[in-house]
Amino acid sequence: MHRLKVGLIGGGSWGTTVASLIAKNTDVSLWARSAETVKEINTQHTNSKYLPDAVLPENLVAHQELEAVVADADVLVMGVPSNSFREVLKQLKPHLRAWVPVVSLTKGLEKGTDLRMTQVIESELPGHPVGVLTGPNLAREIMAGQAAASVIAMDDEIIVRELQKVFNSGVFRVYTNDDVVGCELGGVLKNIIAIAVGMGIGLGAGDNTRSALIVRGLAEVTRLGVALGGRAETFSGLTGMGDMLATCISPQSRNHHVGVELGKGRHIDEIIQDMVMVAEGVKSSPTVIKLAERYNVEMPIAMDVHEVIAGRRTAEQAFYGLLKRKVGAEIDPG
């Protein structure tokens, strides 16, 4: 049987973690922008900037040149932030062979076009099978060997079964789903709810409040996700409720951290400046609100988060504004 070669683009915490998981099953090489990161991965088998204390597999090889990772790849995995996603695709396109499947790890929307990352891939790399790996996956826990589950979503049933074998590894269980839209949106939209939950915690709210925000936030996410073409049941699974819970309750979550700091009264620019990694919810919030308005979907929690990020309201004003909203039926009969 041919041993697949996987090229992974992105040397951050999640990209490095996924590359480490793939290395247990097949050959993988990783591209990172930083020469220091590449050297550290190849010589010390660590990535201390993003995954302190984690030891990487010795067969995980890093490169700073895109061609070295892309040219021989049988599968390409994209783990770069949404704001640089398209540009990196443009750079690697000349080196990518035809029909190679491309899988996104990025939980964001493209600013300006409102596109999901799989849609960006389809626009830049037409003809390539496209999918997404997403779920409640905190990188440091997985690198520590703790059990986790994820979902590989793709339209093509045959290819997705083969990709499942690439990512599934020991206690990292990977399920399949053909609802690419729903799975991808679950990963994107929950980030904004995680900021809201973090804001509540930063303001001193308790577990009752946190639970209410998570559940009502999931209702908002599901409404918009279905309006955009996802299936409602997807949002009750790993890529919806599962991912939301992990992101909303874990201090390891970047979006949760942003919300907590906003709740403490810090300005968004100051918070972002102090962070090593990107909080996709901050960048996605304007696009999410634009989509909600376009599809006439009510998202009061997301709207208040957006207002705080934009500097038009404080976290305290947004939080108590939510409490004063008119209460309707929990389940919309329509």
C-alpha atoms as a PDB file:
ATOM      1  CA  MET A   1       0.000   0.000   0.000  1.00  0.00           C
ATOM      2  CA  HIS A   2       1.274   3.462  -0.896  1.00  0.00           C
ATOM      3  CA  ARG A   3       2.342   5.407   2.203  1.00  0.00           C
ATOM      4  CA  LEU A   4       0.699   8.805   1.960  1.00  0.00           C
ATOM      5  CA  LYS A   5       2.781  11.939   2.228  1.00  0.00           C
ATOM      6  CA  VAL A   6       1.021  14.746   4.086  1.00  0.00           C
ATOM      7  CA  GLY A   7       2.046  18.383   3.895  1.00  0.00           C
ATOM      8  CA  LEU A   8       0.855  20.619   6.726  1.00  0.00           C
ATOM      9  CA  ILE A   9       0.952  24.387   6.317  1.00  0.00           C
ATOM     10  CA  GLY A  10       1.245  26.256   9.636  1.00  0.00           C
ATOM     11  CA  GLY A  11       3.560  25.950  12.621  1.00  0.00           C
ATOM     12  CA  GLY A  12       1.227  27.206  15.369  1.00  0.00           C
ATOM     13  CA  SER A  13      -0.086  25.152  18.273  1.00  0.00           C
ATOM     14  CA  TRP A  14      -2.877  23.343  16.427  1.00  0.00           C
ATOM     15  CA  GLY A  15      -0.976  22.857  13.181  1.00  0.00           C
ATOM     16  CA  THR A  16       1.970  21.354  15.058  1.00  0.00           C
ATOM     17  CA  THR A  17      -0.361  19.158  17.114  1.00  0.00           C
ATOM     18  CA  VAL A  18      -2.155  17.795  14.042  1.00  0.00           C
ATOM     19  CA  ALA A  19       1.187  17.167  12.333  1.00  0.00           C
ATOM     20  CA  SER A  20       2.277  15.198  15.401  1.00  0.00           C
ATOM     21  CA  LEU A  21      -0.885  13.084  15.228  1.00  0.00           C
ATOM     22  CA  ILE A  22      -0.425  12.421  11.512  1.00  0.00           C
ATOM     23  CA  ALA A  23       3.203  11.424  12.127  1.00  0.00           C
ATOM     24  CA  LYS A  24       1.943   8.369  14.029  1.00  0.00           C
ATOM     25  CA  ASN A  25       0.251   7.106  10.857  1.00  0.00           C
ATOM     26  CA  THR A  26       2.268   8.273   7.876  1.00  0.00           C
ATOM     27  CA  ASP A  27       4.924  10.664   6.545  1.00  0.00           C
ATOM     28  CA  VAL A  28       4.338  14.346   7.304  1.00  0.00           C
ATOM     29  CA  SER A  29       6.259  17.560   6.733  1.00  0.00           C
ATOM     30  CA  LEU A  30       5.346  20.963   8.143  1.00  0.00           C
ATOM     31  CA  TRP A  31       5.811  24.490   6.828  1.00  0.00           C
ATOM     32  CA  ALA A  32       6.389  27.358   9.249  1.00  0.00           C
ATOM     33  CA  ARG A  33       7.237  30.991   8.509  1.00  0.00           C
ATOM     34  CA  SER A  34       9.779  31.268  11.296  1.00  0.00           C
ATOM     35  CA  ALA A  35      13.299  29.989  10.664  1.00  0.00           C
ATOM     36  CA  GLU A  36      13.723  29.609  14.430  1.00  0.00           C
ATOM     37  CA  THR A  37      10.615  27.416  14.672  1.00  0.00           C
ATOM     38  CA  VAL A  38      11.779  25.238  11.779  1.00  0.00           C
ATOM     39  CA  LYS A  39      15.227  24.794  13.301  1.00  0.00           C
ATOM     40  CA  GLU A  40      13.809  23.989  16.741  1.00  0.00           C
ATOM     41  CA  ILE A  41      11.396  21.366  15.390  1.00  0.00           C
ATOM     42  CA  ASN A  42      14.132  19.660  13.365  1.00  0.00           C
ATOM     43  CA  THR A  43      16.903  19.739  15.958  1.00  0.00           C
ATOM     44  CA  GLN A  44      15.148  19.662  19.337  1.00  0.00           C
ATOM     45  CA  HIS A  45      11.772  18.150  18.362  1.00  0.00           C
ATOM     46  CA  THR A  46       9.932  20.899  20.236  1.00  0.00           C
ATOM     47  CA  ASN A  47       7.930  24.040  19.425  1.00  0.00           C
ATOM     48  CA  SER A  48       8.335  25.913  22.694  1.00  0.00           C
ATOM     49  CA  LYS A  49       6.670  29.135  21.522  1.00  0.00           C
ATOM     50  CA  TYR A  50       3.323  27.446  20.947  1.00  0.00           C
ATOM     51  CA  LEU A  51       3.547  24.113  22.777  1.00  0.00           C
ATOM     52  CA  PRO A  52       5.826  24.472  25.787  1.00  0.00           C
ATOM     53  CA  ASP A  53       6.909  21.160  27.363  1.00  0.00           C
ATOM     54  CA  ALA A  54       5.584  19.086  24.428  1.00  0.00           C
ATOM     55  CA  VAL A  55       7.913  16.629  22.687  1.00  0.00           C
ATOM     56  CA  LEU A  56       7.308  16.202  18.943  1.00  0.00           C
ATOM     57  CA  PRO A  57       7.788  12.974  16.940  1.00  0.00           C
ATOM     58  CA  GLU A  58      11.240  12.627  15.423  1.00  0.00           C
ATOM     59  CA  ASN A  59       9.766  11.850  11.994  1.00  0.00           C
ATOM     60  CA  LEU A  60       8.029  15.249  11.900  1.00  0.00           C
ATOM     61  CA  VAL A  61      10.207  17.381   9.622  1.00  0.00           C
ATOM     62  CA  ALA A  62       9.804  21.141   9.214  1.00  0.00           C
ATOM     63  CA  HIS A  63      10.666  23.426   6.291  1.00  0.00           C
ATOM     64  CA  GLN A  64      10.593  27.151   5.626  1.00  0.00           C
ATOM     65  CA  GLU A  65      10.088  26.681   1.875  1.00  0.00           C
ATOM     66  CA  LEU A  66       6.535  25.952   0.749  1.00  0.00           C
ATOM     67  CA  GLU A  67       7.644  23.899  -2.240  1.00  0.00           C
ATOM     68  CA  ALA A  68       9.503  21.438  -0.018  1.00  0.00           C
ATOM     69  CA  VAL A  69       6.256  20.637   1.827  1.00  0.00           C
ATOM     70  CA  VAL A  70       3.743  20.913  -1.013  1.00  0.00           C
ATOM     71  CA  ALA A  71       5.368  19.413  -4.111  1.00  0.00           C
ATOM     72  CA  ASP A  72       5.226  15.736  -3.067  1.00  0.00           C
ATOM     73  CA  ALA A  73       2.140  15.958  -0.853  1.00  0.00           C
ATOM     74  CA  ASP A  74      -0.659  13.434  -1.375  1.00  0.00           C
ATOM     75  CA  VAL A  75      -2.779  15.369   1.155  1.00  0.00           C
ATOM     76  CA  LEU A  76      -2.460  19.062   2.027  1.00  0.00           C
ATOM     77  CA  VAL A  77      -3.586  20.375   5.433  1.00  0.00           C
ATOM     78  CA  MET A  78      -4.039  24.116   5.950  1.00  0.00           C
ATOM     79  CA  GLY A  79      -3.439  25.425   9.483  1.00  0.00           C
ATOM     80  CA  VAL A  80      -2.805  29.136   8.951  1.00  0.00           C
ATOM     81  CA  PRO A  81      -5.011  31.976  10.327  1.00  0.00           C
ATOM     82  CA  SER A  82      -7.932  33.212   8.240  1.00  0.00           C
ATOM     83  CA  ASN A  83      -6.329  36.603   7.537  1.00  0.00           C
ATOM     84  CA  SER A  84      -3.416  34.996   5.663  1.00  0.00           C
ATOM     85  CA  PHE A  85      -5.179  31.867   4.386  1.00  0.00           C
ATOM     86  CA  ARG A  86      -5.821  32.973   0.793  1.00  0.00           C
ATOM     87  CA  GLU A  87      -2.397  34.517   0.315  1.00  0.00           C
ATOM     88  CA  VAL A  88      -0.656  31.319   1.409  1.00  0.00           C
ATOM     89  CA  LEU A  89      -2.857  29.311  -0.974  1.00  0.00           C
ATOM     90  CA  LYS A  90      -1.795  31.588  -3.821  1.00  0.00           C
ATOM     91  CA  GLN A  91       1.866  31.038  -2.947  1.00  0.00           C
ATOM     92  CA  LEU A  92       1.645  27.256  -2.771  1.00  0.00           C
ATOM     93  CA  LYS A  93      -0.657  26.759  -5.772  1.00  0.00           C
ATOM     94  CA  PRO A  94       2.148  26.426  -8.380  1.00  0.00           C
ATOM     95  CA  HIS A  95       3.696  23.560  -6.404  1.00  0.00           C
ATOM     96  CA  LEU A  96       0.542  21.519  -5.697  1.00  0.00           C
ATOM     97  CA  ARG A  97      -0.247  18.504  -7.889  1.00  0.00           C
ATOM     98  CA  ALA A  98      -3.745  18.118  -9.359  1.00  0.00           C
ATOM     99  CA  TRP A  99      -6.538  16.465  -7.382  1.00  0.00           C
ATOM    100  CA  VAL A 100      -4.673  16.455  -4.061  1.00  0.00           C
ATOM    101  CA  PRO A 101      -7.253  16.716  -1.207  1.00  0.00           C
ATOM    102  CA  VAL A 102      -6.990  19.905   0.867  1.00  0.00           C
ATOM    103  CA  VAL A 103      -8.184  19.960   4.494  1.00  0.00           C
ATOM    104  CA  SER A 104      -8.691  23.130   6.549  1.00  0.00           C
ATOM    105  CA  LEU A 105      -7.978  23.376  10.274  1.00  0.00           C
ATOM    106  CA  THR A 106      -8.855  27.079  10.496  1.00  0.00           C
ATOM    107  CA  LYS A 107     -11.967  28.180  12.398  1.00  0.00           C
ATOM    108  CA  GLY A 108     -12.572  31.573  10.860  1.00  0.00           C
ATOM    109  CA  LEU A 109     -14.234  33.533   8.058  1.00  0.00           C
ATOM    110  CA  GLU A 110     -12.457  35.589   5.421  1.00  0.00           C
ATOM    111  CA  LYS A 111     -12.798  39.310   5.987  1.00  0.00           C
ATOM    112  CA  GLY A 112     -14.364  41.115   3.048  1.00  0.00           C
ATOM    113  CA  THR A 113     -15.744  38.068   1.230  1.00  0.00           C
ATOM    114  CA  ASP A 114     -17.550  36.432   4.226  1.00  0.00           C
ATOM    115  CA  LEU A 115     -16.336  33.053   2.937  1.00  0.00           C
ATOM    116  CA  ARG A 116     -15.598  29.943   4.959  1.00  0.00           C
ATOM    117  CA  MET A 117     -12.070  28.578   4.565  1.00  0.00           C
ATOM    118  CA  THR A 118     -13.223  25.604   2.468  1.00  0.00           C
ATOM    119  CA  GLN A 119     -14.851  28.106   0.099  1.00  0.00           C
ATOM    120  CA  VAL A 120     -11.586  30.031  -0.090  1.00  0.00           C
ATOM    121  CA  ILE A 121      -9.792  26.794  -0.978  1.00  0.00           C
ATOM    122  CA  GLU A 122     -12.365  26.019  -3.676  1.00  0.00           C
ATOM    123  CA  SER A 123     -11.943  29.473  -5.202  1.00  0.00           C
ATOM    124  CA  GLU A 124      -8.129  29.304  -5.261  1.00  0.00           C
ATOM    125  CA  LEU A 125      -7.678  25.577  -5.955  1.00  0.00           C
ATOM    126  CA  PRO A 126     -10.602  24.489  -8.154  1.00  0.00           C
ATOM    127  CA  GLY A 127     -10.769  20.754  -8.794  1.00  0.00           C
ATOM    128  CA  HIS A 128      -9.257  19.714  -5.471  1.00  0.00           C
ATOM    129  CA  PRO A 129     -11.391  17.721  -2.995  1.00  0.00           C
ATOM    130  CA  VAL A 130     -11.930  19.983   0.019  1.00  0.00           C
ATOM    131  CA  GLY A 131     -12.710  19.202   3.647  1.00  0.00           C
ATOM    132  CA  VAL A 132     -12.375  20.403   7.221  1.00  0.00           C
ATOM    133  CA  LEU A 133     -11.057  18.838  10.430  1.00  0.00           C
ATOM    134  CA  THR A 134     -12.834  20.384  13.399  1.00  0.00           C
ATOM    135  CA  GLY A 135     -14.130  19.648  16.875  1.00  0.00           C
ATOM    136  CA  PRO A 136     -13.504  20.214  20.603  1.00  0.00           C
ATOM    137  CA  ASN A 137      -9.730  20.011  20.340  1.00  0.00           C
ATOM    138  CA  LEU A 138      -7.435  21.845  22.755  1.00  0.00           C
ATOM    139  CA  ALA A 139      -3.908  21.395  21.460  1.00  0.00           C
ATOM    140  CA  ARG A 140      -2.030  21.135  24.743  1.00  0.00           C
ATOM    141  CA  GLU A 141      -4.337  18.453  26.136  1.00  0.00           C
ATOM    142  CA  ILE A 142      -3.957  16.364  22.994  1.00  0.00           C
ATOM    143  CA  MET A 143      -0.162  16.712  23.049  1.00  0.00           C
ATOM    144  CA  ALA A 144      -0.270  15.571  26.686  1.00  0.00           C
ATOM    145  CA  GLY A 145      -1.924  12.349  25.528  1.00  0.00           C
ATOM    146  CA  GLN A 146      -5.422  13.079  26.786  1.00  0.00           C
ATOM    147  CA  ALA A 147      -8.376  11.576  24.913  1.00  0.00           C
ATOM    148  CA  ALA A 148     -10.206  13.762  22.395  1.00  0.00           C
ATOM    149  CA  ALA A 149     -12.562  13.466  19.440  1.00  0.00           C
ATOM    150  CA  SER A 150     -12.780  15.366  16.174  1.00  0.00           C
ATOM    151  CA  VAL A 151     -14.654  15.283  12.864  1.00  0.00           C
ATOM    152  CA  ILE A 152     -13.372  15.162   9.300  1.00  0.00           C
ATOM    153  CA  ALA A 153     -16.072  16.584   7.024  1.00  0.00           C
ATOM    154  CA  MET A 154     -16.073  16.236   3.246  1.00  0.00           C
ATOM    155  CA  ASP A 155     -18.590  15.646   0.462  1.00  0.00           C
ATOM    156  CA  ASP A 156     -16.744  12.670  -1.031  1.00  0.00           C
ATOM    157  CA  GLU A 157     -17.488   9.555   1.062  1.00  0.00           C
ATOM    158  CA  ILE A 158     -14.582   7.523  -0.327  1.00  0.00           C
ATOM    159  CA  ILE A 159     -11.910  10.186   0.194  1.00  0.00           C
ATOM    160  CA  VAL A 160     -13.160  11.110   3.654  1.00  0.00           C
ATOM    161  CA  ARG A 161     -12.835   7.481   4.792  1.00  0.00           C
ATOM    162  CA  GLU A 162      -9.200   7.460   3.706  1.00  0.00           C
ATOM    163  CA  LEU A 163      -8.531  10.807   5.375  1.00  0.00           C
ATOM    164  CA  GLN A 164     -10.091   9.489   8.570  1.00  0.00           C
ATOM    165  CA  LYS A 165      -7.226   6.959   8.711  1.00  0.00           C
ATOM    166  CA  VAL A 166      -4.668   9.753   8.315  1.00  0.00           C
ATOM    167  CA  PHE A 167      -5.892  11.730  11.340  1.00  0.00           C
ATOM    168  CA  ASN A 168      -7.287   9.040  13.662  1.00  0.00           C
ATOM    169  CA  SER A 169      -4.629   8.147  16.208  1.00  0.00           C
ATOM    170  CA  GLY A 170      -4.886   6.216  19.477  1.00  0.00           C
ATOM    171  CA  VAL A 171      -6.991   8.236  21.908  1.00  0.00           C
ATOM    172  CA  PHE A 172      -7.610  10.924  19.232  1.00  0.00           C
ATOM    173  CA  ARG A 173     -10.807   9.601  17.660  1.00  0.00           C
ATOM    174  CA  VAL A 174     -11.889  11.030  14.308  1.00  0.00           C
ATOM    175  CA  TYR A 175     -15.461  10.686  13.038  1.00  0.00           C
ATOM    176  CA  THR A 176     -16.759  11.487   9.547  1.00  0.00           C
ATOM    177  CA  ASN A 177     -19.566  13.806   8.435  1.00  0.00           C
ATOM    178  CA  ASP A 178     -20.755  14.996   5.022  1.00  0.00           C
ATOM    179  CA  ASP A 179     -22.177  18.288   6.349  1.00  0.00           C
ATOM    180  CA  VAL A 180     -19.152  20.441   5.548  1.00  0.00           C
ATOM    181  CA  VAL A 181     -21.087  23.693   5.971  1.00  0.00           C
ATOM    182  CA  GLY A 182     -22.488  22.814   9.390  1.00  0.00           C
ATOM    183  CA  CYS A 183     -19.233  21.370  10.746  1.00  0.00           C
ATOM    184  CA  GLU A 184     -17.192  24.327   9.565  1.00  0.00           C
ATOM    185  CA  LEU A 185     -19.637  26.955  10.827  1.00  0.00           C
ATOM    186  CA  GLY A 186     -19.864  25.304  14.227  1.00  0.00           C
ATOM    187  CA  GLY A 187     -16.136  25.824  14.658  1.00  0.00           C
ATOM    188  CA  VAL A 188     -16.346  29.435  13.513  1.00  0.00           C
ATOM    189  CA  LEU A 189     -19.448  30.682  15.309  1.00  0.00           C
ATOM    190  CA  LYS A 190     -18.780  29.222  18.760  1.00  0.00           C
ATOM    191  CA  ASN A 191     -15.727  31.468  19.120  1.00  0.00           C
ATOM    192  CA  ILE A 192     -17.942  34.529  19.553  1.00  0.00           C
ATOM    193  CA  ILE A 193     -20.083  32.803  22.185  1.00  0.00           C
ATOM    194  CA  ALA A 194     -16.884  31.829  24.014  1.00  0.00           C
ATOM    195  CA  ILE A 195     -15.954  35.510  24.200  1.00  0.00           C
ATOM    196  CA  ALA A 196     -19.384  36.242  25.702  1.00  0.00           C
ATOM    197  CA  VAL A 197     -18.986  33.504  28.315  1.00  0.00           C
ATOM    198  CA  GLY A 198     -15.521  34.787  29.140  1.00  0.00           C
ATOM    199  CA  MET A 199     -16.885  38.296  29.560  1.00  0.00           C
ATOM    200  CA  GLY A 200     -19.398  36.984  32.087  1.00  0.00           C
ATOM    201  CA  ILE A 201     -16.659  35.241  34.040  1.00  0.00           C
ATOM    202  CA  GLY A 202     -14.515  38.368  33.974  1.00  0.00           C
ATOM    203  CA  LEU A 203     -17.459  40.271  35.437  1.00  0.00           C
ATOM    204  CA  GLY A 204     -17.877  37.721  38.221  1.00  0.00           C
ATOM    205  CA  ALA A 205     -20.882  35.803  36.886  1.00  0.00           C
ATOM    206  CA  GLY A 206     -21.431  32.264  38.169  1.00  0.00           C
ATOM    207  CA  ASP A 207     -22.045  28.848  36.648  1.00  0.00           C
ATOM    208  CA  ASN A 208     -25.773  29.441  36.179  1.00  0.00           C
ATOM    209  CA  THR A 209     -25.047  32.427  33.983  1.00  0.00           C
ATOM    210  CA  ARG A 210     -22.333  30.600  32.092  1.00  0.00           C
ATOM    211  CA  SER A 211     -24.672  27.683  31.377  1.00  0.00           C
ATOM    212  CA  ALA A 212     -27.419  30.004  30.137  1.00  0.00           C
ATOM    213  CA  LEU A 213     -25.013  31.840  27.820  1.00  0.00           C
ATOM    214  CA  ILE A 214     -23.676  28.606  26.360  1.00  0.00           C
ATOM    215  CA  VAL A 215     -27.120  27.131  25.657  1.00  0.00           C
ATOM    216  CA  ARG A 216     -28.661  30.333  24.317  1.00  0.00           C
ATOM    217  CA  GLY A 217     -25.480  30.926  22.345  1.00  0.00           C
ATOM    218  CA  LEU A 218     -25.824  27.492  20.778  1.00  0.00           C
ATOM    219  CA  ALA A 219     -29.374  28.406  19.744  1.00  0.00           C
ATOM    220  CA  GLU A 220     -28.020  31.513  17.975  1.00  0.00           C
ATOM    221  CA  VAL A 221     -25.244  29.545  16.282  1.00  0.00           C
ATOM    222  CA  THR A 222     -27.688  26.888  15.106  1.00  0.00           C
ATOM    223  CA  ARG A 223     -30.117  29.448  13.679  1.00  0.00           C
ATOM    224  CA  LEU A 224     -27.445  31.103  11.580  1.00  0.00           C
ATOM    225  CA  GLY A 225     -25.783  27.821  10.659  1.00  0.00           C
ATOM    226  CA  VAL A 226     -29.022  26.383   9.315  1.00  0.00           C
ATOM    227  CA  ALA A 227     -29.773  29.609   7.443  1.00  0.00           C
ATOM    228  CA  LEU A 228     -26.371  29.288   5.749  1.00  0.00           C
ATOM    229  CA  GLY A 229     -27.007  25.693   4.680  1.00  0.00           C
ATOM    230  CA  GLY A 230     -25.883  23.520   7.595  1.00  0.00           C
ATOM    231  CA  ARG A 231     -27.988  20.786   9.171  1.00  0.00           C
ATOM    232  CA  ALA A 232     -29.501  21.461  12.602  1.00  0.00           C
ATOM    233  CA  GLU A 233     -28.393  18.098  14.032  1.00  0.00           C
ATOM    234  CA  THR A 234     -24.757  18.888  13.256  1.00  0.00           C
ATOM    235  CA  PHE A 235     -24.804  21.669  15.837  1.00  0.00           C
ATOM    236  CA  SER A 236     -25.743  19.243  18.601  1.00  0.00           C
ATOM    237  CA  GLY A 237     -22.676  17.114  17.869  1.00  0.00           C
ATOM    238  CA  LEU A 238     -18.915  17.375  18.303  1.00  0.00           C
ATOM    239  CA  THR A 239     -18.455  20.302  15.924  1.00  0.00           C
ATOM    240  CA  GLY A 240     -21.308  22.280  17.478  1.00  0.00           C
ATOM    241  CA  MET A 241     -22.075  21.756  21.158  1.00  0.00           C
ATOM    242  CA  GLY A 242     -18.862  19.798  21.726  1.00  0.00           C
ATOM    243  CA  ASP A 243     -16.583  22.492  20.362  1.00  0.00           C
ATOM    244  CA  MET A 244     -18.593  25.225  22.058  1.00  0.00           C
ATOM    245  CA  LEU A 245     -18.278  23.615  25.491  1.00  0.00           C
ATOM    246  CA  ALA A 246     -14.514  23.175  25.202  1.00  0.00           C
ATOM    247  CA  THR A 247     -14.022  26.730  23.964  1.00  0.00           C
ATOM    248  CA  CYS A 248     -16.385  28.337  26.459  1.00  0.00           C
ATOM    249  CA  ILE A 249     -15.179  26.649  29.644  1.00  0.00           C
ATOM    250  CA  SER A 250     -11.449  26.122  29.143  1.00  0.00           C
ATOM    251  CA  PRO A 251      -8.867  28.721  30.239  1.00  0.00           C
ATOM    252  CA  GLN A 252      -6.730  27.333  27.387  1.00  0.00           C
ATOM    253  CA  SER A 253      -9.175  28.795  24.863  1.00  0.00           C
ATOM    254  CA  ARG A 254      -7.904  32.023  23.303  1.00  0.00           C
ATOM    255  CA  ASN A 255     -11.431  33.339  22.729  1.00  0.00           C
ATOM    256  CA  HIS A 256     -12.409  32.546  26.313  1.00  0.00           C
ATOM    257  CA  HIS A 257      -9.302  34.432  27.470  1.00  0.00           C
ATOM    258  CA  VAL A 258     -10.221  37.473  25.369  1.00  0.00           C
ATOM    259  CA  GLY A 259     -13.687  37.533  26.921  1.00  0.00           C
ATOM    260  CA  VAL A 260     -12.386  37.263  30.487  1.00  0.00           C
ATOM    261  CA  GLU A 261     -10.005  40.165  29.921  1.00  0.00           C
ATOM    262  CA  LEU A 262     -12.762  42.257  28.311  1.00  0.00           C
ATOM    263  CA  GLY A 263     -14.913  41.535  31.362  1.00  0.00           C
ATOM    264  CA  LYS A 264     -12.135  42.854  33.566  1.00  0.00           C
ATOM    265  CA  GLY A 265     -12.297  46.150  31.676  1.00  0.00           C
ATOM    266  CA  ARG A 266      -9.268  45.844  29.398  1.00  0.00           C
ATOM    267  CA  HIS A 267      -9.370  47.234  25.843  1.00  0.00           C
ATOM    268  CA  ILE A 268      -9.391  44.746  22.982  1.00  0.00           C
ATOM    269  CA  ASP A 269      -6.216  46.177  21.397  1.00  0.00           C
ATOM    270  CA  GLU A 270      -4.298  45.745  24.626  1.00  0.00           C
ATOM    271  CA  ILE A 271      -5.520  42.159  25.009  1.00  0.00           C
ATOM    272  CA  ILE A 272      -4.593  41.160  21.453  1.00  0.00           C
ATOM    273  CA  GLN A 273      -1.168  42.787  21.736  1.00  0.00           C
ATOM    274  CA  ASP A 274      -0.326  40.536  24.687  1.00  0.00           C
ATOM    275  CA  MET A 275      -1.361  37.311  22.915  1.00  0.00           C
ATOM    276  CA  VAL A 276       1.002  34.991  21.036  1.00  0.00           C
ATOM    277  CA  MET A 277      -1.756  33.266  19.022  1.00  0.00           C
ATOM    278  CA  VAL A 278      -4.781  34.524  17.120  1.00  0.00           C
ATOM    279  CA  ALA A 279      -8.288  34.624  18.636  1.00  0.00           C
ATOM    280  CA  GLU A 280     -10.397  33.987  15.521  1.00  0.00           C
ATOM    281  CA  GLY A 281     -13.618  35.148  17.209  1.00  0.00           C
ATOM    282  CA  VAL A 282     -12.334  38.717  17.340  1.00  0.00           C
ATOM    283  CA  LYS A 283     -11.717  38.783  13.597  1.00  0.00           C
ATOM    284  CA  SER A 284     -14.872  36.878  12.679  1.00  0.00           C
ATOM    285  CA  SER A 285     -17.380  38.916  14.689  1.00  0.00           C
ATOM    286  CA  PRO A 286     -18.026  41.671  12.084  1.00  0.00           C
ATOM    287  CA  THR A 287     -18.555  39.053   9.368  1.00  0.00           C
ATOM    288  CA  VAL A 288     -20.862  36.966  11.551  1.00  0.00           C
ATOM    289  CA  ILE A 289     -23.024  39.992  12.345  1.00  0.00           C
ATOM    290  CA  LYS A 290     -23.130  40.929   8.664  1.00  0.00           C
ATOM    291  CA  LEU A 291     -24.300  37.407   7.781  1.00  0.00           C
ATOM    292  CA  ALA A 292     -26.895  37.431  10.569  1.00  0.00           C
ATOM    293  CA  GLU A 293     -28.340  40.683   9.234  1.00  0.00           C
ATOM    294  CA  ARG A 294     -28.260  39.449   5.644  1.00  0.00           C
ATOM    295  CA  TYR A 295     -30.173  36.283   6.536  1.00  0.00           C
ATOM    296  CA  ASN A 296     -32.431  38.023   9.083  1.00  0.00           C
ATOM    297  CA  VAL A 297     -31.230  35.846  11.979  1.00  0.00           C
ATOM    298  CA  GLU A 298     -31.482  37.233  15.502  1.00  0.00           C
ATOM    299  CA  MET A 299     -28.185  36.872  17.416  1.00  0.00           C
ATOM    300  CA  PRO A 300     -28.299  39.148  20.489  1.00  0.00           C
ATOM    301  CA  ILE A 301     -25.321  37.557  22.271  1.00  0.00           C
ATOM    302  CA  ALA A 302     -23.107  37.746  19.193  1.00  0.00           C
ATOM    303  CA  MET A 303     -24.246  41.310  18.552  1.00  0.00           C
ATOM    304  CA  ASP A 304     -23.281  42.428  22.049  1.00  0.00           C
ATOM    305  CA  VAL A 305     -19.871  40.767  21.755  1.00  0.00           C
ATOM    306  CA  HIS A 306     -19.355  42.579  18.471  1.00  0.00           C
ATOM    307  CA  GLU A 307     -20.283  45.901  20.050  1.00  0.00           C
ATOM    308  CA  VAL A 308     -17.762  45.378  22.859  1.00  0.00           C
ATOM    309  CA  ILE A 309     -14.971  44.364  20.465  1.00  0.00           C
ATOM    310  CA  ALA A 310     -15.727  47.427  18.327  1.00  0.00           C
ATOM    311  CA  GLY A 311     -15.439  49.627  21.425  1.00  0.00           C
ATOM    312  CA  ARG A 312     -19.010  50.892  21.291  1.00  0.00           C
ATOM    313  CA  ARG A 313     -20.040  49.293  24.584  1.00  0.00           C
ATOM    314  CA  THR A 314     -18.290  48.032  27.677  1.00  0.00           C
ATOM    315  CA  ALA A 315     -18.537  44.374  28.670  1.00  0.00           C
ATOM    316  CA  GLU A 316     -20.615  45.404  31.677  1.00  0.00           C
ATOM    317  CA  GLN A 317     -23.075  47.372  29.535  1.00  0.00           C
ATOM    318  CA  ALA A 318     -23.435  44.469  27.093  1.00  0.00           C
ATOM    319  CA  PHE A 319     -23.867  41.883  29.835  1.00  0.00           C
ATOM    320  CA  TYR A 320     -26.570  43.723  31.723  1.00  0.00           C
ATOM    321  CA  GLY A 321     -28.206  44.724  28.461  1.00  0.00           C
ATOM    322  CA  LEU A 322     -28.683  41.029  27.698  1.00  0.00           C
ATOM    323  CA  LEU A 323     -30.311  40.482  31.091  1.00  0.00           C
ATOM    324  CA  LYS A 324     -32.826  43.235  30.388  1.00  0.00           C
ATOM    325  CA  ARG A 325     -33.911  41.862  26.997  1.00  0.00           C
ATOM    326  CA  LYS A 326     -37.515  40.785  26.592  1.00  0.00           C
ATOM    327  CA  VAL A 327     -37.944  37.065  27.302  1.00  0.00           C
ATOM    328  CA  GLY A 328     -39.815  34.932  24.759  1.00  0.00           C
ATOM    329  CA  ALA A 329     -40.379  31.215  24.230  1.00  0.00           C
ATOM    330  CA  GLU A 330     -37.287  29.015  24.551  1.00  0.00           C
ATOM    331  CA  ILE A 331     -38.107  27.020  21.420  1.00  0.00           C
ATOM    332  CA  ASP A 332     -39.185  28.951  18.337  1.00  0.00           C
ATOM    333  CA  PRO A 333     -42.201  27.072  16.900  1.00  0.00           C
ATOM    334  CA  GLY A 334     -41.406  28.467  13.473  1.00  0.00           C
END
